[in-house]
Amino acid sequence: MIGRFPAALLLAAAAPVAAPAGQAMPTSAAARAAALAGDYTAAQMELVAALRLSPDGTFRYALTVGALDETAQGKWRLAGDVIELTSDPRPRPPAIEPAPPQSTPGAPFGLRVLAPNGADVPAVDFVIEFDSGPPLTAYTPGDRWILPATERRTPRLVTFSAPRYRLPSTRLPLDPQAGRTAIFQLVPNDVGVADLTGAHLTVEGDTLTLHREDGTLRFQRATR
């Protein structure tokens, strides 16, 4: 689901953009851009996506695949043989911020990543840097992560990442005392809203291929 609606309903939520499929591409830039305006869809296995290029130069995009839902909106323009996308407004990516530590008497040092409702966030990757030697790579298990009992080095820094949230973090300091759990807060900001600034579409007949940092996705013009 995208918000409260499946991605496929993005196109049904507004009047269709008229652009006859299979028409010859005009030669002038303005006419070519006008001919590209319309509705496009993509479907693969568990993936469904929709893209609307409106004649006024704005776009709407929605995708759902597995547990990932995302939307985007902004402006598009034809630049030579590609369509350039700019998100507007620019979404704020989610972030992880340090919060006051939790006292856990008698327990070894650990860490937790919490959602705004206080629940543990599972499957957040992190890398711990120590006072010496190579780093340790792990992920949050959905509750308190505990420093291995065999680890004798002193943790100094932690860096988080969560691809499904498009979340990178800066290197955050650790105060590794026994009986204490480091707490980090997930700040959602505009989680679920993709920043397509810098992404572009290549055109091949009625097929548009979206190119972005994490891969490509082929859209076909929708027919009604």
C-alpha atoms as a PDB file:
ATOM      1  CA  MET A   1       0.000   0.000   0.000  1.00  0.00           C
ATOM      2  CA  ILE A   2       1.086   3.598  -0.682  1.00  0.00           C
ATOM      3  CA  GLY A   3      -0.272   5.578   2.224  1.00  0.00           C
ATOM      4  CA  ARG A   4      -3.883   4.362   2.226  1.00  0.00           C
ATOM      5  CA  PHE A   5      -3.984   3.446  -1.465  1.00  0.00           C
ATOM      6  CA  PRO A   6      -2.268   0.780  -3.592  1.00  0.00           C
ATOM      7  CA  ALA A   7       0.163   2.161  -6.160  1.00  0.00           C
ATOM      8  CA  ALA A   8      -2.138   1.040  -8.960  1.00  0.00           C
ATOM      9  CA  LEU A   9      -4.811   3.463  -7.738  1.00  0.00           C
ATOM     10  CA  LEU A  10      -2.542   6.464  -8.276  1.00  0.00           C
ATOM     11  CA  LEU A  11      -3.701   6.677 -11.865  1.00  0.00           C
ATOM     12  CA  ALA A  12      -7.343   6.186 -10.975  1.00  0.00           C
ATOM     13  CA  ALA A  13      -7.292   9.005  -8.431  1.00  0.00           C
ATOM     14  CA  ALA A  14      -7.425  11.735 -11.067  1.00  0.00           C
ATOM     15  CA  ALA A  15      -8.673  12.262 -14.603  1.00  0.00           C
ATOM     16  CA  PRO A  16      -6.591  10.459 -17.235  1.00  0.00           C
ATOM     17  CA  VAL A  17      -3.895  12.296 -19.127  1.00  0.00           C
ATOM     18  CA  ALA A  18      -4.717  11.940 -22.796  1.00  0.00           C
ATOM     19  CA  ALA A  19      -1.797  10.881 -24.992  1.00  0.00           C
ATOM     20  CA  PRO A  20      -2.481   8.353 -27.745  1.00  0.00           C
ATOM     21  CA  ALA A  21      -0.232   5.324 -27.562  1.00  0.00           C
ATOM     22  CA  GLY A  22       1.838   4.412 -30.578  1.00  0.00           C
ATOM     23  CA  GLN A  23       1.822   7.884 -32.118  1.00  0.00           C
ATOM     24  CA  ALA A  24       4.860   9.137 -34.044  1.00  0.00           C
ATOM     25  CA  MET A  25       7.147  11.293 -31.921  1.00  0.00           C
ATOM     26  CA  PRO A  26       6.949  14.982 -32.963  1.00  0.00           C
ATOM     27  CA  THR A  27      10.152  16.750 -33.862  1.00  0.00           C
ATOM     28  CA  SER A  28       9.963  20.006 -31.844  1.00  0.00           C
ATOM     29  CA  ALA A  29      10.968  19.841 -28.162  1.00  0.00           C
ATOM     30  CA  ALA A  30       7.653  21.240 -26.935  1.00  0.00           C
ATOM     31  CA  ALA A  31       5.633  18.839 -29.055  1.00  0.00           C
ATOM     32  CA  ARG A  32       7.792  15.891 -27.983  1.00  0.00           C
ATOM     33  CA  ALA A  33       7.292  16.773 -24.312  1.00  0.00           C
ATOM     34  CA  ALA A  34       3.539  17.090 -24.830  1.00  0.00           C
ATOM     35  CA  ALA A  35       3.429  13.681 -26.501  1.00  0.00           C
ATOM     36  CA  LEU A  36       5.243  12.082 -23.552  1.00  0.00           C
ATOM     37  CA  ALA A  37       2.708  13.310 -20.998  1.00  0.00           C
ATOM     38  CA  GLY A  38       0.523  10.482 -19.793  1.00  0.00           C
ATOM     39  CA  ASP A  39       0.178   7.564 -17.416  1.00  0.00           C
ATOM     40  CA  TYR A  40       2.683   4.717 -17.180  1.00  0.00           C
ATOM     41  CA  THR A  41       2.710   1.522 -15.125  1.00  0.00           C
ATOM     42  CA  ALA A  42       5.187  -1.187 -14.142  1.00  0.00           C
ATOM     43  CA  ALA A  43       4.544  -4.653 -12.722  1.00  0.00           C
ATOM     44  CA  GLN A  44       6.966  -7.435 -11.753  1.00  0.00           C
ATOM     45  CA  MET A  45       6.370 -10.322  -9.342  1.00  0.00           C
ATOM     46  CA  GLU A  46       5.451  -8.516  -6.066  1.00  0.00           C
ATOM     47  CA  LEU A  47       6.072  -5.048  -7.530  1.00  0.00           C
ATOM     48  CA  VAL A  48       3.526  -2.585  -8.858  1.00  0.00           C
ATOM     49  CA  ALA A  49       4.311   1.026  -9.717  1.00  0.00           C
ATOM     50  CA  ALA A  50       2.652   3.946 -11.441  1.00  0.00           C
ATOM     51  CA  LEU A  51       4.006   7.152 -12.948  1.00  0.00           C
ATOM     52  CA  ARG A  52       2.052  10.143 -14.179  1.00  0.00           C
ATOM     53  CA  LEU A  53       3.702  12.826 -16.323  1.00  0.00           C
ATOM     54  CA  SER A  54       1.252  15.719 -16.433  1.00  0.00           C
ATOM     55  CA  PRO A  55       1.201  18.258 -19.288  1.00  0.00           C
ATOM     56  CA  ASP A  56       1.920  21.056 -16.792  1.00  0.00           C
ATOM     57  CA  GLY A  57       5.392  19.603 -16.138  1.00  0.00           C
ATOM     58  CA  THR A  58       4.610  17.911 -12.823  1.00  0.00           C
ATOM     59  CA  PHE A  59       4.847  14.207 -12.024  1.00  0.00           C
ATOM     60  CA  ARG A  60       3.484  11.763  -9.477  1.00  0.00           C
ATOM     61  CA  TYR A  61       5.011   8.378  -8.725  1.00  0.00           C
ATOM     62  CA  ALA A  62       4.083   5.486  -6.442  1.00  0.00           C
ATOM     63  CA  LEU A  63       5.574   2.047  -5.895  1.00  0.00           C
ATOM     64  CA  THR A  64       4.911  -0.904  -3.643  1.00  0.00           C
ATOM     65  CA  VAL A  65       7.124  -3.985  -3.510  1.00  0.00           C
ATOM     66  CA  GLY A  66       7.128  -6.429  -0.620  1.00  0.00           C
ATOM     67  CA  ALA A  67       7.266  -4.383   2.581  1.00  0.00           C
ATOM     68  CA  LEU A  68       8.493  -1.244   0.799  1.00  0.00           C
ATOM     69  CA  ASP A  69       6.080   1.528  -0.121  1.00  0.00           C
ATOM     70  CA  GLU A  70       7.192   4.836  -1.568  1.00  0.00           C
ATOM     71  CA  THR A  71       5.778   7.849  -3.348  1.00  0.00           C
ATOM     72  CA  ALA A  72       7.275  10.895  -5.026  1.00  0.00           C
ATOM     73  CA  GLN A  73       6.117  14.069  -6.681  1.00  0.00           C
ATOM     74  CA  GLY A  74       7.776  16.988  -8.374  1.00  0.00           C
ATOM     75  CA  LYS A  75       8.651  18.391 -11.772  1.00  0.00           C
ATOM     76  CA  TRP A  76       9.774  16.819 -15.030  1.00  0.00           C
ATOM     77  CA  ARG A  77      11.324  18.231 -18.165  1.00  0.00           C
ATOM     78  CA  LEU A  78      12.569  16.832 -21.437  1.00  0.00           C
ATOM     79  CA  ALA A  79      16.300  17.445 -21.869  1.00  0.00           C
ATOM     80  CA  GLY A  80      17.512  16.105 -25.182  1.00  0.00           C
ATOM     81  CA  ASP A  81      16.606  12.433 -25.238  1.00  0.00           C
ATOM     82  CA  VAL A  82      15.967  11.993 -21.501  1.00  0.00           C
ATOM     83  CA  ILE A  83      13.347  13.167 -19.021  1.00  0.00           C
ATOM     84  CA  GLU A  84      14.872  14.777 -15.937  1.00  0.00           C
ATOM     85  CA  LEU A  85      13.030  14.514 -12.613  1.00  0.00           C
ATOM     86  CA  THR A  86      13.201  16.919  -9.668  1.00  0.00           C
ATOM     87  CA  SER A  87      11.350  16.196  -6.432  1.00  0.00           C
ATOM     88  CA  ASP A  88       9.326  19.162  -5.181  1.00  0.00           C
ATOM     89  CA  PRO A  89       9.146  19.601  -2.276  1.00  0.00           C
ATOM     90  CA  ARG A  90      12.433  17.859  -1.538  1.00  0.00           C
ATOM     91  CA  PRO A  91      11.752  15.160   1.074  1.00  0.00           C
ATOM     92  CA  ARG A  92      13.708  15.029   4.310  1.00  0.00           C
ATOM     93  CA  PRO A  93      15.304  11.600   4.718  1.00  0.00           C
ATOM     94  CA  PRO A  94      14.831   9.677   7.955  1.00  0.00           C
ATOM     95  CA  ALA A  95      17.573   9.962  10.539  1.00  0.00           C
ATOM     96  CA  ILE A  96      18.887   8.223  13.634  1.00  0.00           C
ATOM     97  CA  GLU A  97      19.763  10.429  16.586  1.00  0.00           C
ATOM     98  CA  PRO A  98      21.252   9.613  19.998  1.00  0.00           C
ATOM     99  CA  ALA A  99      18.879   9.692  22.966  1.00  0.00           C
ATOM    100  CA  PRO A 100      19.510   9.436  26.731  1.00  0.00           C
ATOM    101  CA  PRO A 101      20.930   6.013  27.659  1.00  0.00           C
ATOM    102  CA  GLN A 102      18.924   3.393  29.524  1.00  0.00           C
ATOM    103  CA  SER A 103      20.119   1.946  32.828  1.00  0.00           C
ATOM    104  CA  THR A 104      20.318  -1.861  32.699  1.00  0.00           C
ATOM    105  CA  PRO A 105      22.034  -2.879  35.969  1.00  0.00           C
ATOM    106  CA  GLY A 106      23.988  -6.115  35.849  1.00  0.00           C
ATOM    107  CA  ALA A 107      23.775  -6.400  32.065  1.00  0.00           C
ATOM    108  CA  PRO A 108      26.614  -5.954  29.574  1.00  0.00           C
ATOM    109  CA  PHE A 109      26.717  -2.907  27.338  1.00  0.00           C
ATOM    110  CA  GLY A 110      24.147  -2.935  24.558  1.00  0.00           C
ATOM    111  CA  LEU A 111      22.213  -0.699  22.203  1.00  0.00           C
ATOM    112  CA  ARG A 112      18.664  -0.249  20.908  1.00  0.00           C
ATOM    113  CA  VAL A 113      17.099   1.664  18.016  1.00  0.00           C
ATOM    114  CA  LEU A 114      13.614   2.891  18.893  1.00  0.00           C
ATOM    115  CA  ALA A 115      10.704   4.083  16.770  1.00  0.00           C
ATOM    116  CA  PRO A 116       8.759   7.190  17.856  1.00  0.00           C
ATOM    117  CA  ASN A 117       6.249   4.927  19.658  1.00  0.00           C
ATOM    118  CA  GLY A 118       9.047   3.397  21.736  1.00  0.00           C
ATOM    119  CA  ALA A 119       9.091   0.038  19.941  1.00  0.00           C
ATOM    120  CA  ASP A 120      12.389  -1.500  18.883  1.00  0.00           C
ATOM    121  CA  VAL A 121      13.175  -1.179  15.176  1.00  0.00           C
ATOM    122  CA  PRO A 122      14.478  -4.482  13.763  1.00  0.00           C
ATOM    123  CA  ALA A 123      16.886  -5.087  10.887  1.00  0.00           C
ATOM    124  CA  VAL A 124      18.828  -1.835  11.137  1.00  0.00           C
ATOM    125  CA  ASP A 125      22.411  -2.555  10.080  1.00  0.00           C
ATOM    126  CA  PHE A 126      25.232  -0.994  12.039  1.00  0.00           C
ATOM    127  CA  VAL A 127      29.014  -0.955  12.215  1.00  0.00           C
ATOM    128  CA  ILE A 128      30.829  -0.474  15.524  1.00  0.00           C
ATOM    129  CA  GLU A 129      34.362   0.910  15.514  1.00  0.00           C
ATOM    130  CA  PHE A 130      36.630   0.067  18.434  1.00  0.00           C
ATOM    131  CA  ASP A 131      39.683   1.584  20.047  1.00  0.00           C
ATOM    132  CA  SER A 132      41.733  -0.891  18.003  1.00  0.00           C
ATOM    133  CA  GLY A 133      41.355  -3.529  15.336  1.00  0.00           C
ATOM    134  CA  PRO A 134      38.692  -4.132  12.701  1.00  0.00           C
ATOM    135  CA  PRO A 135      35.067  -3.010  13.085  1.00  0.00           C
ATOM    136  CA  LEU A 136      32.136  -5.238  14.019  1.00  0.00           C
ATOM    137  CA  THR A 137      29.113  -5.468  11.714  1.00  0.00           C
ATOM    138  CA  ALA A 138      25.708  -6.471  13.085  1.00  0.00           C
ATOM    139  CA  TYR A 139      22.029  -5.549  12.984  1.00  0.00           C
ATOM    140  CA  THR A 140      19.327  -4.792  15.511  1.00  0.00           C
ATOM    141  CA  PRO A 141      17.439  -7.986  16.435  1.00  0.00           C
ATOM    142  CA  GLY A 142      14.171  -6.262  17.332  1.00  0.00           C
ATOM    143  CA  ASP A 143      15.117  -5.841  20.976  1.00  0.00           C
ATOM    144  CA  ARG A 144      18.278  -5.008  22.890  1.00  0.00           C
ATOM    145  CA  TRP A 145      21.515  -5.855  21.060  1.00  0.00           C
ATOM    146  CA  ILE A 146      24.289  -6.957  23.429  1.00  0.00           C
ATOM    147  CA  LEU A 147      28.030  -6.617  22.910  1.00  0.00           C
ATOM    148  CA  PRO A 148      29.460 -10.152  22.594  1.00  0.00           C
ATOM    149  CA  ALA A 149      30.979 -11.445  25.830  1.00  0.00           C
ATOM    150  CA  THR A 150      34.160 -12.383  23.965  1.00  0.00           C
ATOM    151  CA  GLU A 151      34.716  -8.784  22.818  1.00  0.00           C
ATOM    152  CA  ARG A 152      37.421  -7.168  24.968  1.00  0.00           C
ATOM    153  CA  ARG A 153      37.949  -4.012  22.937  1.00  0.00           C
ATOM    154  CA  THR A 154      36.240  -0.712  23.747  1.00  0.00           C
ATOM    155  CA  PRO A 155      33.491   0.436  21.346  1.00  0.00           C
ATOM    156  CA  ARG A 156      33.945   4.057  20.308  1.00  0.00           C
ATOM    157  CA  LEU A 157      31.666   4.825  17.329  1.00  0.00           C
ATOM    158  CA  VAL A 158      28.608   3.378  15.616  1.00  0.00           C
ATOM    159  CA  THR A 159      27.227   4.004  12.117  1.00  0.00           C
ATOM    160  CA  PHE A 160      23.724   2.870  11.148  1.00  0.00           C
ATOM    161  CA  SER A 161      22.172   2.072   7.785  1.00  0.00           C
ATOM    162  CA  ALA A 162      18.772   0.759   6.716  1.00  0.00           C
ATOM    163  CA  PRO A 163      18.298   0.439   2.949  1.00  0.00           C
ATOM    164  CA  ARG A 164      14.536  -0.066   3.210  1.00  0.00           C
ATOM    165  CA  TYR A 165      14.282   3.335   4.916  1.00  0.00           C
ATOM    166  CA  ARG A 166      16.980   4.828   2.636  1.00  0.00           C
ATOM    167  CA  LEU A 167      18.725   5.659   5.873  1.00  0.00           C
ATOM    168  CA  PRO A 168      22.389   6.468   6.282  1.00  0.00           C
ATOM    169  CA  SER A 169      23.736   7.939   9.522  1.00  0.00           C
ATOM    170  CA  THR A 170      26.815   9.771  10.604  1.00  0.00           C
ATOM    171  CA  ARG A 171      29.343   8.138  12.929  1.00  0.00           C
ATOM    172  CA  LEU A 172      27.848   8.457  16.399  1.00  0.00           C
ATOM    173  CA  PRO A 173      29.877   8.227  19.633  1.00  0.00           C
ATOM    174  CA  LEU A 174      29.404   5.404  22.138  1.00  0.00           C
ATOM    175  CA  ASP A 175      29.911   5.426  25.914  1.00  0.00           C
ATOM    176  CA  PRO A 176      30.293   1.688  26.521  1.00  0.00           C
ATOM    177  CA  GLN A 177      29.665   1.219  30.224  1.00  0.00           C
ATOM    178  CA  ALA A 178      28.450  -2.060  31.691  1.00  0.00           C
ATOM    179  CA  GLY A 179      24.918  -1.731  32.998  1.00  0.00           C
ATOM    180  CA  ARG A 180      24.033   0.808  30.337  1.00  0.00           C
ATOM    181  CA  THR A 181      22.182   0.553  27.027  1.00  0.00           C
ATOM    182  CA  ALA A 182      22.836   3.171  24.365  1.00  0.00           C
ATOM    183  CA  ILE A 183      19.533   4.417  22.932  1.00  0.00           C
ATOM    184  CA  PHE A 184      19.136   5.752  19.406  1.00  0.00           C
ATOM    185  CA  GLN A 185      15.922   7.259  18.091  1.00  0.00           C
ATOM    186  CA  LEU A 186      14.622   6.746  14.557  1.00  0.00           C
ATOM    187  CA  VAL A 187      13.263  10.086  13.313  1.00  0.00           C
ATOM    188  CA  PRO A 188      10.956   9.236  10.384  1.00  0.00           C
ATOM    189  CA  ASN A 189      10.818  12.683   8.750  1.00  0.00           C
ATOM    190  CA  ASP A 190       9.533  11.915   5.219  1.00  0.00           C
ATOM    191  CA  VAL A 191      10.124   8.168   5.324  1.00  0.00           C
ATOM    192  CA  GLY A 192       8.359   6.518   2.399  1.00  0.00           C
ATOM    193  CA  VAL A 193       8.822   9.553   0.152  1.00  0.00           C
ATOM    194  CA  ALA A 194      11.530   9.001  -2.460  1.00  0.00           C
ATOM    195  CA  ASP A 195      13.835  11.800  -3.555  1.00  0.00           C
ATOM    196  CA  LEU A 196      13.955  11.456  -7.337  1.00  0.00           C
ATOM    197  CA  THR A 197      16.020  14.590  -7.846  1.00  0.00           C
ATOM    198  CA  GLY A 198      18.811  13.562 -10.206  1.00  0.00           C
ATOM    199  CA  ALA A 199      16.928  10.517 -11.480  1.00  0.00           C
ATOM    200  CA  HIS A 200      15.977  10.416 -15.139  1.00  0.00           C
ATOM    201  CA  LEU A 201      13.847   8.514 -17.626  1.00  0.00           C
ATOM    202  CA  THR A 202      15.018   7.242 -20.983  1.00  0.00           C
ATOM    203  CA  VAL A 203      12.443   7.016 -23.760  1.00  0.00           C
ATOM    204  CA  GLU A 204      11.943   4.113 -26.148  1.00  0.00           C
ATOM    205  CA  GLY A 205       8.572   4.326 -27.863  1.00  0.00           C
ATOM    206  CA  ASP A 206       5.886   3.822 -25.221  1.00  0.00           C
ATOM    207  CA  THR A 207       8.455   2.563 -22.700  1.00  0.00           C
ATOM    208  CA  LEU A 208      10.069   4.804 -20.099  1.00  0.00           C
ATOM    209  CA  THR A 209      12.967   3.429 -18.065  1.00  0.00           C
ATOM    210  CA  LEU A 210      13.566   5.056 -14.697  1.00  0.00           C
ATOM    211  CA  HIS A 211      17.254   5.295 -13.797  1.00  0.00           C
ATOM    212  CA  ARG A 212      18.144   5.986 -10.164  1.00  0.00           C
ATOM    213  CA  GLU A 213      20.994   5.142  -7.814  1.00  0.00           C
ATOM    214  CA  ASP A 214      19.537   1.821  -6.693  1.00  0.00           C
ATOM    215  CA  GLY A 215      18.642   0.471 -10.130  1.00  0.00           C
ATOM    216  CA  THR A 216      16.257   0.784 -13.058  1.00  0.00           C
ATOM    217  CA  LEU A 217      12.530   0.233 -13.570  1.00  0.00           C
ATOM    218  CA  ARG A 218      10.689  -0.021 -16.897  1.00  0.00           C
ATOM    219  CA  PHE A 219       7.279   1.611 -17.295  1.00  0.00           C
ATOM    220  CA  GLN A 220       4.826   1.038 -20.138  1.00  0.00           C
ATOM    221  CA  ARG A 221       2.278   3.606 -21.227  1.00  0.00           C
ATOM    222  CA  ALA A 222      -1.080   2.762 -19.678  1.00  0.00           C
ATOM    223  CA  THR A 223      -4.056   2.136 -21.918  1.00  0.00           C
ATOM    224  CA  ARG A 224      -7.643   2.930 -20.974  1.00  0.00           C
END
